[in-house]
Structure formats: structure tokens, C-alpha cells
Amino acid sequence: MSVLSELAVGECGILVALDLPESVQNHLMHMGFVPDAQVTALRRAPAGDPTVYLVDGLEIALRHETAEGIRVRPFEAAAEDAPQLAEAAR
């Protein structure tokens, strides 16, 4: 298990838990950050912060300190899903 901020661009993870203040948790959950959601790191700003993530069809930019409070586990894609995931990460 790791945190969302550790995902490299193009990597996917499965959301496990939000270790953030309740107001932030509620806001993120309304945008699709719910347990078992697939999250992909799409791109990072030139200075490294924020990072844009794809979750539930939405692109959402999160600051590093927020992404550190989101626990994820590795995503094991089925072989037939790999091309679609690679395209989504572009």
C-alpha cells in the first residue's frame, strides 16, 4: 500500500482510504474519490506540484500534501485493459 502522491505519471492505483480532514474527504468523495475507485496520475506541473489525476472520468488537480493523505493499492489491470489505460494516461 502507498499514497497517491507516490504514483508516477501513467500509473494507476485503487483508492483504499482518505486520511484527510472530514471537510476535504467529503469534497473529494463528491468528485469520485471513493473506496475501490481507480485513480490514474495523468500529468504533473513543471515544478512537480500539483498533479492531475483521472478518477471517475474527471481530471482533478491535487496538491502534493492532499495526495499524501490518500492511500492507494496497486492496480493490476487485465491484459485486455492495458491499451485503454495507456491511452487514458496520455
Protein backbone atom coordinates (compact mmCIF):
# COMPACT_ATOMS: atom_id res chain seq x y z
CA MET A 1 0.00 0.00 0.00
CA SER A 2 1.21 3.52 -0.77
CA VAL A 3 -0.13 7.04 -1.09
CA LEU A 4 -1.46 8.75 -4.19
CA SER A 5 1.42 11.23 -4.36
CA GLU A 6 3.83 8.31 -4.97
CA LEU A 7 2.17 7.27 -8.26
CA ALA A 8 4.31 8.04 -11.28
CA VAL A 9 2.66 9.69 -14.28
CA GLY A 10 0.77 6.98 -16.17
CA GLU A 11 0.45 4.68 -13.14
CA CYS A 12 -2.88 3.59 -11.70
CA GLY A 13 -3.95 2.76 -8.19
CA ILE A 14 -7.09 1.66 -6.40
CA LEU A 15 -8.25 4.02 -3.69
CA VAL A 16 -8.24 2.48 -0.23
CA ALA A 17 -8.83 5.34 2.22
CA LEU A 18 -8.78 9.11 2.67
CA ASP A 19 -6.69 10.16 5.67
CA LEU A 20 -7.71 13.81 5.46
CA PRO A 21 -9.91 16.25 7.41
CA GLU A 22 -13.60 15.42 7.09
CA SER A 23 -14.42 18.53 5.03
CA VAL A 24 -11.72 17.61 2.47
CA GLN A 25 -12.84 13.97 2.47
CA ASN A 26 -16.43 14.95 1.70
CA HIS A 27 -15.36 17.27 -1.11
CA LEU A 28 -13.16 14.61 -2.71
CA MET A 29 -15.78 11.88 -2.31
CA HIS A 30 -18.30 14.02 -4.21
CA MET A 31 -15.77 14.14 -7.07
CA GLY A 32 -15.35 10.35 -7.19
CA PHE A 33 -12.59 9.63 -4.66
CA VAL A 34 -14.42 6.71 -3.06
CA PRO A 35 -13.10 3.32 -1.91
CA ASP A 36 -12.19 0.98 -4.78
CA ALA A 37 -12.15 3.81 -7.36
CA GLN A 38 -9.41 3.57 -9.98
CA VAL A 39 -7.14 6.64 -9.96
CA THR A 40 -4.55 7.41 -12.67
CA ALA A 41 -1.79 10.02 -12.42
CA LEU A 42 -2.08 11.90 -15.74
CA ARG A 43 0.45 14.72 -15.58
CA ARG A 44 2.45 16.93 -13.22
CA ALA A 45 3.08 20.65 -13.30
CA PRO A 46 6.62 21.59 -14.37
CA ALA A 47 7.59 22.30 -10.75
CA GLY A 48 6.10 18.95 -9.67
CA ASP A 49 3.01 20.30 -7.91
CA PRO A 50 0.06 19.95 -8.46
CA THR A 51 -0.57 16.63 -10.18
CA VAL A 52 -3.62 15.94 -12.35
CA TYR A 53 -5.39 12.65 -11.61
CA LEU A 54 -8.15 10.87 -13.53
CA VAL A 55 -10.91 9.46 -11.35
CA ASP A 56 -14.43 8.51 -12.42
CA GLY A 57 -13.94 10.24 -15.78
CA LEU A 58 -12.89 13.55 -14.21
CA GLU A 59 -9.47 15.18 -14.33
CA ILE A 60 -8.72 16.65 -10.92
CA ALA A 61 -5.57 18.54 -9.87
CA LEU A 62 -4.43 17.87 -6.31
CA ARG A 63 -1.59 19.41 -4.36
CA HIS A 64 1.11 17.08 -3.08
CA GLU A 65 0.07 17.47 0.57
CA THR A 66 -3.51 16.44 -0.25
CA ALA A 67 -2.40 13.46 -2.36
CA GLU A 68 -0.21 12.28 0.55
CA GLY A 69 -3.39 11.74 2.59
CA ILE A 70 -4.96 9.38 0.05
CA ARG A 71 -3.99 5.71 0.43
CA VAL A 72 -3.96 3.51 -2.68
CA ARG A 73 -3.04 -0.04 -3.51
CA PRO A 74 -1.51 -1.23 -6.80
CA PHE A 75 -3.83 -1.67 -9.76
CA GLU A 76 -3.47 -4.98 -11.58
CA ALA A 77 -5.07 -4.45 -14.97
CA ALA A 78 -6.23 -7.34 -17.06
CA ALA A 79 -4.24 -7.70 -20.27
CA GLU A 80 -7.16 -6.51 -22.39
CA ASP A 81 -7.41 -3.28 -20.34
CA ALA A 82 -3.76 -2.25 -20.76
CA PRO A 83 -4.12 -0.39 -24.11
CA GLN A 84 -7.10 1.60 -22.85
CA LEU A 85 -5.27 2.58 -19.66
CA ALA A 86 -2.20 3.69 -21.58
CA GLU A 87 -4.38 5.85 -23.84
CA ALA A 88 -6.20 7.38 -20.84
CA ALA A 89 -2.87 8.32 -19.26
CA ARG A 90 -1.88 10.45 -22.28
